[in-house]
C-alpha atoms as a PDB file:
ATOM      1  CA  MET A   1     -13.558  -8.081  -2.864  1.00  0.00           C
ATOM      2  CA  LYS A   2     -12.680  -5.984  -0.064  1.00  0.00           C
ATOM      3  CA  ASN A   3     -11.147  -2.477  -0.535  1.00  0.00           C
ATOM      4  CA  SER A   4      -7.392  -3.166   0.498  1.00  0.00           C
ATOM      5  CA  GLY A   5      -4.270  -1.584   0.890  1.00  0.00           C
ATOM      6  CA  TYR A   6      -0.765  -3.657   0.791  1.00  0.00           C
ATOM      7  CA  ILE A   7       2.975  -2.909   1.558  1.00  0.00           C
ATOM      8  CA  ASP A   8       5.220  -4.770  -0.843  1.00  0.00           C
ATOM      9  CA  ARG A   9       9.192  -5.798  -0.491  1.00  0.00           C
ATOM     10  CA  GLU A  10      10.723  -7.001  -3.078  1.00  0.00           C
ATOM     11  CA  MET A  11      12.650 -10.370  -2.163  1.00  0.00           C
ATOM     12  CA  ASP A  12      14.270 -12.525  -4.548  1.00  0.00           C
ATOM     13  CA  GLY A  13      13.071 -10.938  -7.283  1.00  0.00           C
ATOM     14  CA  GLN A  14       9.591 -11.076  -5.916  1.00  0.00           C
ATOM     15  CA  TRP A  15       6.871  -8.751  -4.521  1.00  0.00           C
ATOM     16  CA  ARG A  16       5.973 -10.050  -1.114  1.00  0.00           C
ATOM     17  CA  VAL A  17       3.142  -8.674   1.115  1.00  0.00           C
ATOM     18  CA  VAL A  18       4.558  -7.453   4.122  1.00  0.00           C
ATOM     19  CA  ALA A  19       1.701  -5.486   5.631  1.00  0.00           C
ATOM     20  CA  THR A  20      -1.893  -4.356   4.721  1.00  0.00           C
ATOM     21  CA  ASP A  21      -4.307  -2.261   6.065  1.00  0.00           C
ATOM     22  CA  ASP A  22      -5.270  -4.788   8.859  1.00  0.00           C
ATOM     23  CA  ASP A  23      -2.075  -3.608  10.401  1.00  0.00           C
ATOM     24  CA  TRP A  24      -1.614  -0.554  12.924  1.00  0.00           C
ATOM     25  CA  TRP A  25       1.327   1.278  10.859  1.00  0.00           C
ATOM     26  CA  THR A  26      -0.903   0.822   7.552  1.00  0.00           C
ATOM     27  CA  ARG A  27      -4.587   2.549   6.312  1.00  0.00           C
ATOM     28  CA  PHE A  28      -6.243   2.821   3.260  1.00  0.00           C
ATOM     29  CA  THR A  29      -8.731   5.231   2.446  1.00  0.00           C
ATOM     30  CA  TYR A  30     -11.365   5.616  -0.307  1.00  0.00           C
ATOM     31  CA  VAL A  31     -12.280   9.591  -0.376  1.00  0.00           C
ATOM     32  CA  ARG A  32     -15.246  10.391  -3.178  1.00  0.00           C
ATOM     33  CA  ASN A  33     -14.425  13.796  -3.777  1.00  0.00           C
ATOM     34  CA  GLY A  34     -16.600  15.176  -6.856  1.00  0.00           C
ATOM     35  CA  VAL A  35     -14.059  15.349  -9.269  1.00  0.00           C
ATOM     36  CA  GLY A  36     -12.541  11.807  -9.143  1.00  0.00           C
ATOM     37  CA  ASP A  37     -12.463   9.058  -6.362  1.00  0.00           C
ATOM     38  CA  GLU A  38      -9.361   9.263  -4.757  1.00  0.00           C
ATOM     39  CA  ALA A  39      -7.227   5.614  -2.603  1.00  0.00           C
ATOM     40  CA  VAL A  40      -4.637   6.700  -0.306  1.00  0.00           C
ATOM     41  CA  VAL A  41      -2.690   4.444   1.331  1.00  0.00           C
ATOM     42  CA  GLU A  42      -0.399   5.264   4.058  1.00  0.00           C
ATOM     43  CA  TRP A  43       2.174   3.549   6.088  1.00  0.00           C
ATOM     44  CA  GLN A  44       4.016   4.583   9.240  1.00  0.00           C
ATOM     45  CA  VAL A  45       7.021   2.415   8.594  1.00  0.00           C
ATOM     46  CA  PRO A  46       7.616   0.566  11.915  1.00  0.00           C
ATOM     47  CA  ARG A  47      10.863   0.717  13.888  1.00  0.00           C
ATOM     48  CA  GLY A  48      12.986  -2.109  12.859  1.00  0.00           C
ATOM     49  CA  THR A  49      11.959  -2.397   9.137  1.00  0.00           C
ATOM     50  CA  GLU A  50      14.514  -3.774   7.178  1.00  0.00           C
ATOM     51  CA  PRO A  51      15.716  -1.795   4.809  1.00  0.00           C
ATOM     52  CA  GLY A  52      15.260  -2.858   1.165  1.00  0.00           C
ATOM     53  CA  THR A  53      12.710  -1.788  -2.223  1.00  0.00           C
ATOM     54  CA  TYR A  54       9.175  -1.767  -1.201  1.00  0.00           C
ATOM     55  CA  ARG A  55       5.928  -0.262  -3.109  1.00  0.00           C
ATOM     56  CA  ILE A  56       2.353   0.293  -2.131  1.00  0.00           C
ATOM     57  CA  ARG A  57      -0.459  -1.264  -3.922  1.00  0.00           C
ATOM     58  CA  TYR A  58      -4.009  -0.966  -3.342  1.00  0.00           C
ATOM     59  CA  GLN A  59      -7.480  -2.896  -5.086  1.00  0.00           C
ATOM     60  CA  GLY A  60     -11.016  -2.360  -4.433  1.00  0.00           C
ATOM     61  CA  VAL A  61     -14.836  -1.971  -5.872  1.00  0.00           C
ATOM     62  CA  SER A  62     -16.300   0.897  -6.420  1.00  0.00           C
ATOM     63  CA  GLY A  63     -19.781   1.959  -7.398  1.00  0.00           C
ATOM     64  CA  ASP A  64     -18.227   2.119 -10.848  1.00  0.00           C
ATOM     65  CA  GLY A  65     -16.839  -1.378 -11.032  1.00  0.00           C
ATOM     66  CA  PRO A  66     -13.519  -2.634  -9.922  1.00  0.00           C
ATOM     67  CA  TYR A  67      -9.895  -0.429  -9.161  1.00  0.00           C
ATOM     68  CA  SER A  68      -6.294  -0.869  -8.323  1.00  0.00           C
ATOM     69  CA  GLY A  69      -3.043   0.891  -8.427  1.00  0.00           C
ATOM     70  CA  THR A  70       0.772   0.473  -7.776  1.00  0.00           C
ATOM     71  CA  SER A  71       3.928   3.301  -6.705  1.00  0.00           C
ATOM     72  CA  ASP A  72       6.819   3.167  -7.803  1.00  0.00           C
ATOM     73  CA  ALA A  73       9.672   1.369  -5.962  1.00  0.00           C
ATOM     74  CA  PHE A  74      11.702   3.361  -3.310  1.00  0.00           C
ATOM     75  CA  VAL A  75      13.971   2.183  -1.219  1.00  0.00           C
ATOM     76  CA  LEU A  76      13.657   2.214   2.299  1.00  0.00           C
ATOM     77  CA  LYS A  77      17.202   2.517   4.043  1.00  0.00           C
ATOM     78  CA  ASP A  78      17.622   1.864   7.742  1.00  0.00           C
ATOM     79  CA  CYS A  79      15.002   2.020  10.232  1.00  0.00           C
ATOM     80  CA  PRO A  80      16.525   2.606  13.400  1.00  0.00           C
END
């Protein structure tokens, strides 16, 4: 499994992937910091992105095994 970050949008009651860390505006970083590991997903919202409810999600595998996480949902308003 590849370490990956995703941007999901809620559409018709279901979460659908609208961006991944392969996209120009999204970046996934996995950091081993000695205290605990951190997964960081950054999304620079592109101009013209549809308003709606979104969340950020990640998954991957480290030396300690699989990991995953999901942000709380957030509302994106007009993005001219």
